[in-house]
Amino acid sequence: MTRPTRRRVLAVGLALPAAWWFARLRAAQGLGDFTTSAVAPGCNGSRQPTPAAREEFYKPNSPERTSLRTADVTGTPLRVSGTVIGLKCGVIKDARVEFWQADEHGQYDLKGFRLRGQQQTSAQGEFQLDTIVPGAPAGRARRLHVRVTPPTHAALSTEWFFPDDPARTADSSLSPELLLKAVAAASGRAVTFDVVFDL
């Protein structure tokens, strides 16, 4: 068995205080243990925090589920995926992600929880939702509503828009930073969006 050299022992000894200091810094920033620098996408300084939007038609306490396609829901299947990320290049696990949307006719369920649901991000900060392409409310662009709450931090409510929606140019609430990105799908449609926090 190879014995450690003096240089290697010294390097390890110096690394331990650095790791301790980094952990203390993360705790002071309120990050706790719910972020990790592992496999965080896009750590190139080019990201900006996701813009907020009104909590229009929001209802708390929606069911815990990863699919909104119940028996009474019709429309084009849509898979939504993404990651919740901190600007310090850490993905955020156990964030609460709430979704709600209109049905294929542009109508919202204001009495029950049809096309409403919530889930938590995985250990890699990821979420995935099976739903339908929403219809457009009168005079407005199609959208998905999202509310993301990292552990011990305030929630962010926002909206995501479809890049191929003709109504998007006339909708004053649309922001280019909130356009979904289309990805390949075996059937139906698939889109992705990464939610970025200033954490």
C-alpha atoms as a PDB file:
ATOM      1  CA  MET A   1       0.000   0.000   0.000  1.00  0.00           C
ATOM      2  CA  THR A   2       1.385   3.410  -0.973  1.00  0.00           C
ATOM      3  CA  ARG A   3       2.022   5.676   2.005  1.00  0.00           C
ATOM      4  CA  PRO A   4       0.780   9.290   1.692  1.00  0.00           C
ATOM      5  CA  THR A   5       3.486  11.819   1.021  1.00  0.00           C
ATOM      6  CA  ARG A   6       3.998  14.860   3.220  1.00  0.00           C
ATOM      7  CA  ARG A   7       2.770  17.115   0.399  1.00  0.00           C
ATOM      8  CA  ARG A   8      -0.472  15.130   0.072  1.00  0.00           C
ATOM      9  CA  VAL A   9      -1.099  15.205   3.817  1.00  0.00           C
ATOM     10  CA  LEU A  10      -0.535  18.974   3.822  1.00  0.00           C
ATOM     11  CA  ALA A  11      -2.942  19.450   0.882  1.00  0.00           C
ATOM     12  CA  VAL A  12      -5.684  17.480   2.621  1.00  0.00           C
ATOM     13  CA  GLY A  13      -5.099  19.416   5.820  1.00  0.00           C
ATOM     14  CA  LEU A  14      -5.534  22.714   4.000  1.00  0.00           C
ATOM     15  CA  ALA A  15      -8.652  21.529   2.177  1.00  0.00           C
ATOM     16  CA  LEU A  16     -10.541  20.680   5.373  1.00  0.00           C
ATOM     17  CA  PRO A  17     -10.644  24.250   6.750  1.00  0.00           C
ATOM     18  CA  ALA A  18     -11.693  25.490   3.295  1.00  0.00           C
ATOM     19  CA  ALA A  19     -14.594  23.026   3.192  1.00  0.00           C
ATOM     20  CA  TRP A  20     -15.611  24.041   6.725  1.00  0.00           C
ATOM     21  CA  TRP A  21     -15.489  27.741   5.782  1.00  0.00           C
ATOM     22  CA  PHE A  22     -17.580  27.134   2.644  1.00  0.00           C
ATOM     23  CA  ALA A  23     -20.219  25.280   4.669  1.00  0.00           C
ATOM     24  CA  ARG A  24     -20.368  28.146   7.163  1.00  0.00           C
ATOM     25  CA  LEU A  25     -20.733  30.653   4.296  1.00  0.00           C
ATOM     26  CA  ARG A  26     -23.623  28.702   2.772  1.00  0.00           C
ATOM     27  CA  ALA A  27     -25.356  28.572   6.152  1.00  0.00           C
ATOM     28  CA  ALA A  28     -24.898  32.329   6.625  1.00  0.00           C
ATOM     29  CA  GLN A  29     -26.485  32.917   3.221  1.00  0.00           C
ATOM     30  CA  GLY A  30     -29.501  30.868   4.279  1.00  0.00           C
ATOM     31  CA  LEU A  31     -28.793  28.106   1.781  1.00  0.00           C
ATOM     32  CA  GLY A  32     -28.619  25.378   4.411  1.00  0.00           C
ATOM     33  CA  ASP A  33     -28.354  21.930   2.898  1.00  0.00           C
ATOM     34  CA  PHE A  34     -30.989  22.205   0.190  1.00  0.00           C
ATOM     35  CA  THR A  35     -28.611  23.202  -2.599  1.00  0.00           C
ATOM     36  CA  THR A  36     -25.754  21.346  -4.182  1.00  0.00           C
ATOM     37  CA  SER A  37     -23.198  22.436  -6.751  1.00  0.00           C
ATOM     38  CA  ALA A  38     -23.344  19.021  -8.427  1.00  0.00           C
ATOM     39  CA  VAL A  39     -24.457  18.914 -12.078  1.00  0.00           C
ATOM     40  CA  ALA A  40     -25.930  22.408 -11.932  1.00  0.00           C
ATOM     41  CA  PRO A  41     -26.700  23.481 -15.497  1.00  0.00           C
ATOM     42  CA  GLY A  42     -25.510  26.713 -17.027  1.00  0.00           C
ATOM     43  CA  CYS A  43     -22.973  27.829 -14.427  1.00  0.00           C
ATOM     44  CA  ASN A  44     -21.475  30.401 -16.753  1.00  0.00           C
ATOM     45  CA  GLY A  45     -22.645  33.678 -15.230  1.00  0.00           C
ATOM     46  CA  SER A  46     -25.150  34.283 -18.030  1.00  0.00           C
ATOM     47  CA  ARG A  47     -28.312  33.473 -16.062  1.00  0.00           C
ATOM     48  CA  GLN A  48     -30.667  36.014 -14.517  1.00  0.00           C
ATOM     49  CA  PRO A  49     -33.327  35.488 -11.834  1.00  0.00           C
ATOM     50  CA  THR A  50     -36.682  34.419 -13.246  1.00  0.00           C
ATOM     51  CA  PRO A  51     -39.102  37.387 -13.420  1.00  0.00           C
ATOM     52  CA  ALA A  52     -42.141  37.308 -11.147  1.00  0.00           C
ATOM     53  CA  ALA A  53     -45.757  37.590 -12.283  1.00  0.00           C
ATOM     54  CA  ARG A  54     -49.170  37.985 -10.668  1.00  0.00           C
ATOM     55  CA  GLU A  55     -50.673  35.010  -8.855  1.00  0.00           C
ATOM     56  CA  GLU A  56     -53.698  35.082 -11.127  1.00  0.00           C
ATOM     57  CA  PHE A  57     -56.253  32.317 -10.394  1.00  0.00           C
ATOM     58  CA  TYR A  58     -53.959  30.796  -7.735  1.00  0.00           C
ATOM     59  CA  LYS A  59     -55.421  28.407  -5.147  1.00  0.00           C
ATOM     60  CA  PRO A  60     -53.341  26.968  -2.276  1.00  0.00           C
ATOM     61  CA  ASN A  61     -53.320  23.332  -1.180  1.00  0.00           C
ATOM     62  CA  SER A  62     -53.536  21.738  -4.618  1.00  0.00           C
ATOM     63  CA  PRO A  63     -53.065  17.945  -4.742  1.00  0.00           C
ATOM     64  CA  GLU A  64     -49.596  16.408  -4.692  1.00  0.00           C
ATOM     65  CA  ARG A  65     -49.146  14.918  -8.165  1.00  0.00           C
ATOM     66  CA  THR A  66     -46.923  14.880 -11.231  1.00  0.00           C
ATOM     67  CA  SER A  67     -49.727  14.537 -13.798  1.00  0.00           C
ATOM     68  CA  LEU A  68     -52.714  16.822 -14.355  1.00  0.00           C
ATOM     69  CA  ARG A  69     -54.140  14.617 -17.120  1.00  0.00           C
ATOM     70  CA  THR A  70     -57.127  13.200 -15.268  1.00  0.00           C
ATOM     71  CA  ALA A  71     -60.038  11.364 -16.917  1.00  0.00           C
ATOM     72  CA  ASP A  72     -62.038  14.576 -17.404  1.00  0.00           C
ATOM     73  CA  VAL A  73     -59.183  16.487 -19.074  1.00  0.00           C
ATOM     74  CA  THR A  74     -58.884  16.526 -22.864  1.00  0.00           C
ATOM     75  CA  GLY A  75     -56.347  18.261 -25.071  1.00  0.00           C
ATOM     76  CA  THR A  76     -52.915  17.909 -26.607  1.00  0.00           C
ATOM     77  CA  PRO A  77     -50.581  16.074 -24.179  1.00  0.00           C
ATOM     78  CA  LEU A  78     -47.774  18.249 -22.849  1.00  0.00           C
ATOM     79  CA  ARG A  79     -44.736  17.322 -20.744  1.00  0.00           C
ATOM     80  CA  VAL A  80     -43.103  20.138 -18.781  1.00  0.00           C
ATOM     81  CA  SER A  81     -39.677  19.663 -17.217  1.00  0.00           C
ATOM     82  CA  GLY A  82     -36.934  21.798 -15.765  1.00  0.00           C
ATOM     83  CA  THR A  83     -34.660  22.539 -12.847  1.00  0.00           C
ATOM     84  CA  VAL A  84     -34.791  24.979  -9.944  1.00  0.00           C
ATOM     85  CA  ILE A  85     -31.410  26.688  -9.697  1.00  0.00           C
ATOM     86  CA  GLY A  86     -29.653  29.249  -7.501  1.00  0.00           C
ATOM     87  CA  LEU A  87     -27.465  31.898  -9.128  1.00  0.00           C
ATOM     88  CA  LYS A  88     -24.548  30.601  -7.073  1.00  0.00           C
ATOM     89  CA  CYS A  89     -24.711  27.557  -9.347  1.00  0.00           C
ATOM     90  CA  GLY A  90     -26.469  25.219  -6.951  1.00  0.00           C
ATOM     91  CA  VAL A  91     -29.555  23.243  -7.858  1.00  0.00           C
ATOM     92  CA  ILE A  92     -32.289  23.495  -5.229  1.00  0.00           C
ATOM     93  CA  LYS A  93     -33.772  20.278  -3.934  1.00  0.00           C
ATOM     94  CA  ASP A  94     -37.088  19.950  -2.080  1.00  0.00           C
ATOM     95  CA  ALA A  95     -38.470  23.167  -3.559  1.00  0.00           C
ATOM     96  CA  ARG A  96     -42.264  23.229  -3.678  1.00  0.00           C
ATOM     97  CA  VAL A  97     -43.454  23.665  -7.296  1.00  0.00           C
ATOM     98  CA  GLU A  98     -47.155  24.450  -7.790  1.00  0.00           C
ATOM     99  CA  PHE A  99     -48.752  24.407 -11.252  1.00  0.00           C
ATOM    100  CA  TRP A 100     -52.125  25.623 -12.485  1.00  0.00           C
ATOM    101  CA  GLN A 101     -53.537  26.410 -15.910  1.00  0.00           C
ATOM    102  CA  ALA A 102     -56.585  26.806 -18.137  1.00  0.00           C
ATOM    103  CA  ASP A 103     -58.157  23.855 -19.916  1.00  0.00           C
ATOM    104  CA  GLU A 104     -58.064  23.486 -23.703  1.00  0.00           C
ATOM    105  CA  HIS A 105     -60.893  26.047 -23.975  1.00  0.00           C
ATOM    106  CA  GLY A 106     -59.072  28.690 -21.926  1.00  0.00           C
ATOM    107  CA  GLN A 107     -61.192  28.167 -18.794  1.00  0.00           C
ATOM    108  CA  TYR A 108     -59.839  27.879 -15.228  1.00  0.00           C
ATOM    109  CA  ASP A 109     -61.344  25.670 -12.534  1.00  0.00           C
ATOM    110  CA  LEU A 110     -62.029  28.104  -9.683  1.00  0.00           C
ATOM    111  CA  LYS A 111     -64.045  25.678  -7.542  1.00  0.00           C
ATOM    112  CA  GLY A 112     -61.930  22.525  -7.485  1.00  0.00           C
ATOM    113  CA  PHE A 113     -58.413  21.423  -8.401  1.00  0.00           C
ATOM    114  CA  ARG A 114     -58.814  20.406 -12.027  1.00  0.00           C
ATOM    115  CA  LEU A 115     -55.528  21.133 -13.851  1.00  0.00           C
ATOM    116  CA  ARG A 116     -53.862  22.091 -10.576  1.00  0.00           C
ATOM    117  CA  GLY A 117     -51.143  20.236  -8.697  1.00  0.00           C
ATOM    118  CA  GLN A 118     -47.893  20.483  -6.803  1.00  0.00           C
ATOM    119  CA  GLN A 119     -44.696  18.503  -6.318  1.00  0.00           C
ATOM    120  CA  GLN A 120     -41.209  18.816  -4.839  1.00  0.00           C
ATOM    121  CA  THR A 121     -37.984  19.010  -6.777  1.00  0.00           C
ATOM    122  CA  SER A 122     -35.712  15.980  -6.709  1.00  0.00           C
ATOM    123  CA  ALA A 123     -32.252  15.769  -5.169  1.00  0.00           C
ATOM    124  CA  GLN A 124     -31.005  17.176  -8.506  1.00  0.00           C
ATOM    125  CA  GLY A 125     -33.450  20.114  -8.341  1.00  0.00           C
ATOM    126  CA  GLU A 126     -35.587  18.679 -11.146  1.00  0.00           C
ATOM    127  CA  PHE A 127     -39.335  18.632 -11.733  1.00  0.00           C
ATOM    128  CA  GLN A 128     -41.501  17.022 -14.406  1.00  0.00           C
ATOM    129  CA  LEU A 129     -45.211  17.463 -15.089  1.00  0.00           C
ATOM    130  CA  ASP A 130     -47.574  15.755 -17.513  1.00  0.00           C
ATOM    131  CA  THR A 131     -50.468  17.987 -18.518  1.00  0.00           C
ATOM    132  CA  ILE A 132     -52.117  19.402 -21.660  1.00  0.00           C
ATOM    133  CA  VAL A 133     -51.442  22.445 -23.806  1.00  0.00           C
ATOM    134  CA  PRO A 134     -53.637  25.142 -22.232  1.00  0.00           C
ATOM    135  CA  GLY A 135     -56.195  27.059 -24.230  1.00  0.00           C
ATOM    136  CA  ALA A 136     -55.872  30.814 -24.563  1.00  0.00           C
ATOM    137  CA  PRO A 137     -58.047  32.964 -22.288  1.00  0.00           C
ATOM    138  CA  ALA A 138     -59.990  35.580 -24.262  1.00  0.00           C
ATOM    139  CA  GLY A 139     -57.599  38.061 -25.846  1.00  0.00           C
ATOM    140  CA  ARG A 140     -54.544  36.651 -24.089  1.00  0.00           C
ATOM    141  CA  ALA A 141     -51.677  34.270 -24.790  1.00  0.00           C
ATOM    142  CA  ARG A 142     -51.552  30.645 -23.652  1.00  0.00           C
ATOM    143  CA  ARG A 143     -49.644  30.256 -20.401  1.00  0.00           C
ATOM    144  CA  LEU A 144     -48.700  27.964 -17.547  1.00  0.00           C
ATOM    145  CA  HIS A 145     -48.777  29.406 -14.029  1.00  0.00           C
ATOM    146  CA  VAL A 146     -46.061  28.346 -11.602  1.00  0.00           C
ATOM    147  CA  ARG A 147     -45.273  29.113  -7.957  1.00  0.00           C
ATOM    148  CA  VAL A 148     -41.906  27.890  -6.633  1.00  0.00           C
ATOM    149  CA  THR A 149     -40.989  27.943  -2.958  1.00  0.00           C
ATOM    150  CA  PRO A 150     -37.450  26.902  -1.933  1.00  0.00           C
ATOM    151  CA  PRO A 151     -37.112  25.636   1.649  1.00  0.00           C
ATOM    152  CA  THR A 152     -37.019  28.551   4.150  1.00  0.00           C
ATOM    153  CA  HIS A 153     -37.319  31.161   1.370  1.00  0.00           C
ATOM    154  CA  ALA A 154     -40.112  33.273  -0.092  1.00  0.00           C
ATOM    155  CA  ALA A 155     -42.105  31.937  -3.025  1.00  0.00           C
ATOM    156  CA  LEU A 156     -41.742  33.096  -6.612  1.00  0.00           C
ATOM    157  CA  SER A 157     -44.902  33.198  -8.733  1.00  0.00           C
ATOM    158  CA  THR A 158     -44.428  33.438 -12.471  1.00  0.00           C
ATOM    159  CA  GLU A 159     -45.934  32.511 -15.845  1.00  0.00           C
ATOM    160  CA  TRP A 160     -44.500  30.607 -18.808  1.00  0.00           C
ATOM    161  CA  PHE A 161     -45.509  31.299 -22.396  1.00  0.00           C
ATOM    162  CA  PHE A 162     -45.359  29.292 -25.615  1.00  0.00           C
ATOM    163  CA  PRO A 163     -42.971  30.649 -28.280  1.00  0.00           C
ATOM    164  CA  ASP A 164     -45.210  29.582 -31.176  1.00  0.00           C
ATOM    165  CA  ASP A 165     -48.402  31.196 -29.817  1.00  0.00           C
ATOM    166  CA  PRO A 166     -49.598  33.891 -32.285  1.00  0.00           C
ATOM    167  CA  ALA A 167     -51.299  35.791 -29.439  1.00  0.00           C
ATOM    168  CA  ARG A 168     -48.026  36.330 -27.587  1.00  0.00           C
ATOM    169  CA  THR A 169     -47.168  39.547 -29.467  1.00  0.00           C
ATOM    170  CA  ALA A 170     -50.403  41.236 -28.356  1.00  0.00           C
ATOM    171  CA  ASP A 171     -50.240  40.170 -24.702  1.00  0.00           C
ATOM    172  CA  SER A 172     -48.647  42.911 -22.594  1.00  0.00           C
ATOM    173  CA  SER A 173     -47.968  40.503 -19.703  1.00  0.00           C
ATOM    174  CA  LEU A 174     -45.573  38.395 -21.790  1.00  0.00           C
ATOM    175  CA  SER A 175     -41.868  38.756 -21.113  1.00  0.00           C
ATOM    176  CA  PRO A 176     -39.267  37.229 -23.472  1.00  0.00           C
ATOM    177  CA  GLU A 177     -37.488  35.771 -20.419  1.00  0.00           C
ATOM    178  CA  LEU A 178     -40.595  33.670 -19.726  1.00  0.00           C
ATOM    179  CA  LEU A 179     -40.805  31.821 -23.031  1.00  0.00           C
ATOM    180  CA  LEU A 180     -40.768  28.037 -22.775  1.00  0.00           C
ATOM    181  CA  LYS A 181     -38.237  26.080 -24.827  1.00  0.00           C
ATOM    182  CA  ALA A 182     -39.552  23.268 -27.008  1.00  0.00           C
ATOM    183  CA  VAL A 183     -37.793  19.893 -26.757  1.00  0.00           C
ATOM    184  CA  ALA A 184     -38.238  16.610 -28.622  1.00  0.00           C
ATOM    185  CA  ALA A 185     -41.232  14.493 -27.651  1.00  0.00           C
ATOM    186  CA  ALA A 186     -42.265  10.957 -28.617  1.00  0.00           C
ATOM    187  CA  SER A 187     -45.901  12.114 -28.688  1.00  0.00           C
ATOM    188  CA  GLY A 188     -47.750  15.323 -27.963  1.00  0.00           C
ATOM    189  CA  ARG A 189     -45.489  18.243 -27.062  1.00  0.00           C
ATOM    190  CA  ALA A 190     -42.679  18.797 -24.579  1.00  0.00           C
ATOM    191  CA  VAL A 191     -41.209  22.009 -23.173  1.00  0.00           C
ATOM    192  CA  THR A 192     -38.638  22.950 -20.580  1.00  0.00           C
ATOM    193  CA  PHE A 193     -37.906  25.903 -18.314  1.00  0.00           C
ATOM    194  CA  ASP A 194     -35.334  26.426 -15.559  1.00  0.00           C
ATOM    195  CA  VAL A 195     -36.453  28.569 -12.604  1.00  0.00           C
ATOM    196  CA  VAL A 196     -33.575  30.701 -11.329  1.00  0.00           C
ATOM    197  CA  PHE A 197     -33.426  32.257  -7.849  1.00  0.00           C
ATOM    198  CA  ASP A 198     -30.996  34.878  -6.583  1.00  0.00           C
ATOM    199  CA  LEU A 199     -29.637  32.473  -3.981  1.00  0.00           C
END
